[in-house]
Amino acid sequence: MAWTRRYDDAEPQRVNRWLAQMGVCSRREAEALIADGLVSIDGATVEDLGRKILPGQTLTLADRAEASLGGQLTAVLHKPVGVVSGQPEPGQTPAIRLLTKDALMGEAPTIPDAQTRLAPLGRLDMDSRGLLLLSEDGVLAKAVIGPESTLDKEYLVRVTGQLTEGKLKQLRHGLRLDGRQLKPAKVTVVGDQRLRIVLNEGRNRQIRRMGELVGLTVTDLFRVRIGPLQLGDLPEGRWRTLTAEERSRLLSN
């Protein structure tokens, strides 16, 4: 699925600069795509590296450009409880250690080794499980966890404690952590002592701390979605690579 976007800013802008601002790629990467004839505006191939896009015009990246930009490894992992997302303390197991050939679902361009540097794009604490992205793709990292990211994250949460409408209202809006107001959250009851929580931010252990503020204890936290990316039926402890189409959708949100 080719990446397509209409340019609606008031003033013309260089194509490479706009693509970088949109988080699609770096300026240098954009220039390489133009040089390879993989960028078009209103159906016409862009040939000038200094070309500007005008208000109302539509830019499209060829499918081959998407595949090129998605060449850096991004792993989609179903993280189990007891595994840490980032740097482990002594005796802890880091998530990257689960990215083995035996645990791979499908194919991967490479299997991470001790020299591979994959950063978690939105951490899950050791006591939580579910969807975790590990990536060497800086552009994707900006789209998922950068300060301007608009991707929401969805969790299924089991709690102990009395669930009341008042507590649900507080969870949805009105709580403060570390002296700062939290953004509104979507919180719905989906079963006995089970909640579905959708967040547009990711403070440290946010859901567990939100629960504590209203007298609830989180006993299970399961992330099932990051933006348009669903965990789906990926088994616990297994991983697969992010597809070019999935990367495009994450960048387009």
Protein backbone atom coordinates (compact mmCIF):
# COMPACT_ATOMS: atom_id res chain seq x y z
CA MET A 1 0.00 0.00 0.00
CA ALA A 2 1.72 3.17 -1.22
CA TRP A 3 2.05 6.09 1.18
CA THR A 4 -0.08 8.98 -0.08
CA ARG A 5 -0.72 12.32 1.56
CA ARG A 6 -2.20 15.66 0.47
CA TYR A 7 -0.15 18.75 1.29
CA ASP A 8 -2.35 21.33 3.01
CA ASP A 9 0.14 23.83 4.46
CA ALA A 10 -0.25 27.44 3.35
CA GLU A 11 3.22 27.83 1.81
CA PRO A 12 5.18 25.62 -0.62
CA GLN A 13 7.81 23.42 1.00
CA ARG A 14 10.70 21.29 -0.22
CA VAL A 15 9.63 17.68 -0.60
CA ASN A 16 12.53 16.27 1.42
CA ARG A 17 11.85 18.65 4.32
CA TRP A 18 8.13 17.86 4.38
CA LEU A 19 8.66 14.10 4.33
CA ALA A 20 11.06 14.48 7.26
CA GLN A 21 8.54 16.61 9.17
CA MET A 22 5.87 13.97 8.56
CA GLY A 23 8.15 11.36 10.13
CA VAL A 24 8.27 9.28 6.95
CA CYS A 25 12.05 9.38 6.54
CA SER A 26 15.07 11.62 6.99
CA ARG A 27 15.85 14.38 4.47
CA ARG A 28 18.76 12.35 3.11
CA GLU A 29 16.52 9.30 2.71
CA ALA A 30 13.93 11.46 0.90
CA GLU A 31 16.58 12.72 -1.53
CA ALA A 32 17.64 9.13 -2.24
CA LEU A 33 14.02 8.16 -2.97
CA ILE A 34 13.65 11.12 -5.35
CA ALA A 35 16.89 10.18 -7.11
CA ASP A 36 15.54 6.64 -7.59
CA GLY A 37 12.32 7.98 -9.13
CA LEU A 38 10.14 6.69 -6.29
CA VAL A 39 8.36 9.95 -5.42
CA SER A 40 5.52 11.46 -7.43
CA ILE A 41 3.32 14.53 -7.08
CA ASP A 42 -0.14 14.45 -8.63
CA GLY A 43 0.93 11.42 -10.65
CA ALA A 44 4.14 12.94 -12.09
CA THR A 45 7.54 11.62 -10.98
CA VAL A 46 9.62 14.12 -9.04
CA GLU A 47 13.04 14.54 -10.68
CA ASP A 48 14.43 17.65 -8.99
CA LEU A 49 15.94 17.12 -5.51
CA GLY A 50 14.98 20.69 -4.63
CA ARG A 51 11.38 20.33 -5.81
CA LYS A 52 8.74 22.02 -3.66
CA ILE A 53 5.26 20.68 -3.08
CA LEU A 54 2.41 23.20 -3.38
CA PRO A 55 -0.75 23.51 -1.29
CA GLY A 56 -3.40 21.09 -2.53
CA GLN A 57 -0.98 18.75 -4.27
CA THR A 58 -0.79 15.04 -3.39
CA LEU A 59 2.50 13.21 -2.90
CA THR A 60 2.82 9.45 -3.33
CA LEU A 61 5.68 7.09 -2.51
CA ALA A 62 6.00 4.03 -4.72
CA ASP A 63 5.60 0.63 -3.10
CA ARG A 64 9.32 0.02 -3.60
CA ALA A 65 10.06 3.13 -1.54
CA GLU A 66 7.99 1.76 1.32
CA ALA A 67 9.91 -1.52 1.18
CA SER A 68 13.21 0.38 1.20
CA LEU A 69 12.27 2.49 4.20
CA GLY A 70 11.06 -0.59 6.04
CA GLY A 71 14.41 -2.33 5.64
CA GLN A 72 15.46 -1.75 9.22
CA LEU A 73 14.42 -4.53 11.56
CA THR A 74 11.32 -4.02 13.70
CA ALA A 75 10.17 -6.97 15.78
CA VAL A 76 6.57 -7.46 16.89
CA LEU A 77 6.77 -9.46 20.12
CA HIS A 78 4.17 -10.97 22.45
CA LYS A 79 6.03 -10.22 25.67
CA PRO A 80 5.34 -12.52 28.61
CA VAL A 81 5.35 -11.54 32.28
CA GLY A 82 8.81 -11.66 33.86
CA VAL A 83 10.65 -10.16 30.88
CA VAL A 84 11.85 -6.53 30.82
CA SER A 85 11.46 -4.30 27.78
CA GLY A 86 14.70 -2.34 28.02
CA GLN A 87 17.95 -2.54 29.95
CA PRO A 88 17.79 -5.42 32.45
CA GLU A 89 19.01 -5.43 36.01
CA PRO A 90 21.27 -8.32 37.03
CA GLY A 91 19.32 -11.56 36.85
CA GLN A 92 16.56 -10.15 34.63
CA THR A 93 15.74 -11.32 31.08
CA PRO A 94 15.61 -8.60 28.39
CA ALA A 95 12.93 -8.87 25.69
CA ILE A 96 15.51 -8.92 22.89
CA ARG A 97 16.71 -12.30 24.16
CA LEU A 98 13.36 -13.77 23.06
CA LEU A 99 14.01 -12.84 19.43
CA THR A 100 15.42 -16.22 18.44
CA LYS A 101 15.07 -18.23 15.27
CA ASP A 102 13.01 -20.87 17.08
CA ALA A 103 10.54 -18.25 18.41
CA LEU A 104 10.11 -16.55 15.02
CA MET A 105 6.75 -16.74 13.27
CA GLY A 106 7.30 -16.46 9.52
CA GLU A 107 10.51 -15.03 8.10
CA ALA A 108 12.94 -12.29 9.10
CA PRO A 109 15.79 -10.63 7.17
CA THR A 110 18.06 -11.24 10.13
CA ILE A 111 18.00 -12.77 13.60
CA PRO A 112 19.17 -10.34 16.31
CA ASP A 113 22.43 -11.15 18.05
CA ALA A 114 24.47 -9.59 20.85
CA GLN A 115 25.49 -6.71 18.57
CA THR A 116 21.94 -5.80 17.48
CA ARG A 117 20.56 -2.60 18.98
CA LEU A 118 16.76 -2.70 19.16
CA ALA A 119 14.95 -0.11 21.25
CA PRO A 120 11.50 -0.70 22.78
CA LEU A 121 8.89 1.59 21.23
CA GLY A 122 6.69 2.02 24.27
CA ARG A 123 7.77 -0.09 27.20
CA LEU A 124 5.86 -2.71 29.13
CA ASP A 125 6.99 -3.24 32.71
CA MET A 126 8.18 -6.66 33.84
CA ASP A 127 4.80 -7.56 35.37
CA SER A 128 2.87 -6.72 32.17
CA ARG A 129 2.44 -8.68 28.95
CA GLY A 130 1.32 -8.26 25.38
CA LEU A 131 2.30 -6.27 22.30
CA LEU A 132 5.84 -4.87 22.31
CA LEU A 133 7.72 -3.30 19.40
CA LEU A 134 11.51 -3.54 19.34
CA SER A 135 13.13 -1.57 16.52
CA GLU A 136 16.25 -0.02 15.04
CA ASP A 137 14.05 2.29 12.93
CA GLY A 138 14.43 5.85 14.21
CA VAL A 139 11.68 7.26 11.99
CA LEU A 140 9.22 4.68 13.28
CA ALA A 141 10.28 5.38 16.86
CA LYS A 142 9.44 9.05 16.40
CA ALA A 143 5.99 8.13 15.06
CA VAL A 144 5.20 5.71 17.90
CA ILE A 145 6.72 7.34 21.00
CA GLY A 146 7.86 10.80 19.85
CA PRO A 147 6.45 13.90 21.57
CA GLU A 148 4.10 14.58 18.64
CA SER A 149 2.82 11.00 18.34
CA THR A 150 -0.97 10.63 18.30
CA LEU A 151 -1.01 6.81 18.39
CA ASP A 152 -3.15 5.41 21.19
CA LYS A 153 -2.48 2.17 23.08
CA GLU A 154 -5.12 -0.31 24.18
CA TYR A 155 -4.91 -2.54 27.26
CA LEU A 156 -7.03 -5.24 28.86
CA VAL A 157 -6.67 -4.88 32.62
CA ARG A 158 -7.78 -7.04 35.54
CA VAL A 159 -8.12 -5.34 38.93
CA THR A 160 -9.04 -6.04 42.52
CA GLY A 161 -11.05 -3.58 44.57
CA GLN A 162 -14.55 -2.19 44.28
CA LEU A 163 -15.37 -0.80 40.85
CA THR A 164 -17.73 2.17 41.07
CA GLU A 165 -18.94 4.78 38.59
CA GLY A 166 -17.08 7.40 40.58
CA LYS A 167 -13.79 5.54 40.23
CA LEU A 168 -14.38 4.99 36.51
CA LYS A 169 -15.05 8.69 36.07
CA GLN A 170 -11.79 9.53 37.84
CA LEU A 171 -9.86 7.09 35.68
CA ARG A 172 -11.32 8.63 32.54
CA HIS A 173 -10.57 12.20 33.56
CA GLY A 174 -9.33 13.98 36.64
CA LEU A 175 -6.22 12.18 37.83
CA ARG A 176 -2.76 13.68 38.23
CA LEU A 177 0.60 11.91 38.26
CA ASP A 178 3.89 13.51 39.23
CA GLY A 179 2.17 16.86 39.57
CA ARG A 180 0.79 16.82 36.02
CA GLN A 181 -2.73 16.31 34.73
CA LEU A 182 -3.24 13.11 32.76
CA LYS A 183 -4.82 13.20 29.33
CA PRO A 184 -8.36 11.81 29.15
CA ALA A 185 -8.49 8.00 28.93
CA LYS A 186 -11.13 5.68 27.51
CA VAL A 187 -12.12 3.23 30.23
CA THR A 188 -14.88 0.64 29.85
CA VAL A 189 -15.90 -2.38 31.93
CA VAL A 190 -15.64 -5.54 29.80
CA GLY A 191 -16.20 -8.22 32.43
CA ASP A 192 -15.97 -9.12 36.09
CA GLN A 193 -13.16 -6.91 37.46
CA ARG A 194 -11.90 -6.42 33.90
CA LEU A 195 -11.38 -3.10 32.13
CA ARG A 196 -10.46 -1.97 28.65
CA ILE A 197 -8.25 1.12 28.87
CA VAL A 198 -7.09 3.21 25.90
CA LEU A 199 -4.36 5.79 26.54
CA ASN A 200 -2.88 8.58 24.43
CA GLU A 201 0.24 8.85 26.58
CA GLY A 202 2.65 6.55 28.34
CA ARG A 203 3.83 7.66 31.76
CA ASN A 204 5.92 5.26 33.84
CA ARG A 205 3.65 2.40 35.08
CA GLN A 206 0.75 4.71 34.33
CA ILE A 207 -2.19 2.31 34.50
CA ARG A 208 -0.99 0.65 37.70
CA ARG A 209 -0.50 4.05 39.34
CA MET A 210 -3.89 5.29 38.10
CA GLY A 211 -5.47 2.27 39.76
CA GLU A 212 -3.68 2.94 43.03
CA LEU A 213 -4.99 6.51 43.08
CA VAL A 214 -8.60 5.26 43.09
CA GLY A 215 -8.11 2.24 45.35
CA LEU A 216 -7.73 -0.45 42.69
CA THR A 217 -4.86 -2.93 42.33
CA VAL A 218 -3.90 -4.11 38.85
CA THR A 219 -3.31 -7.87 38.84
CA ASP A 220 -2.96 -8.34 35.07
CA LEU A 221 -2.11 -5.83 32.34
CA PHE A 222 -2.22 -6.97 28.71
CA ARG A 223 -1.47 -4.59 25.81
CA VAL A 224 -3.37 -5.63 22.68
CA ARG A 225 -2.91 -2.67 20.31
CA ILE A 226 -0.62 0.21 19.38
CA GLY A 227 -2.43 2.56 17.00
CA PRO A 228 -3.59 0.45 14.03
CA LEU A 229 -1.29 -2.45 14.95
CA GLN A 230 -3.03 -5.36 16.70
CA LEU A 231 -1.31 -8.14 18.64
CA GLY A 232 -3.80 -10.57 17.09
CA ASP A 233 -3.16 -14.28 17.58
CA LEU A 234 0.63 -14.05 17.96
CA PRO A 235 1.43 -16.63 20.69
CA GLU A 236 3.04 -15.55 23.95
CA GLY A 237 6.83 -15.52 23.73
CA ARG A 238 6.82 -15.53 19.90
CA TRP A 239 7.72 -12.74 17.48
CA ARG A 240 7.46 -11.71 13.86
CA THR A 241 8.70 -8.82 11.75
CA LEU A 242 6.67 -5.69 11.11
CA THR A 243 5.50 -5.57 7.49
CA ALA A 244 6.03 -2.60 5.18
CA GLU A 245 2.27 -2.04 5.09
CA GLU A 246 2.03 -2.02 8.89
CA ARG A 247 4.91 0.45 9.08
CA SER A 248 3.14 2.69 6.57
CA ARG A 249 -0.06 2.63 8.61
CA LEU A 250 1.79 3.49 11.83
CA LEU A 251 3.47 6.43 10.10
CA SER A 252 0.21 7.63 8.52
CA ASN A 253 -1.77 7.92 11.76
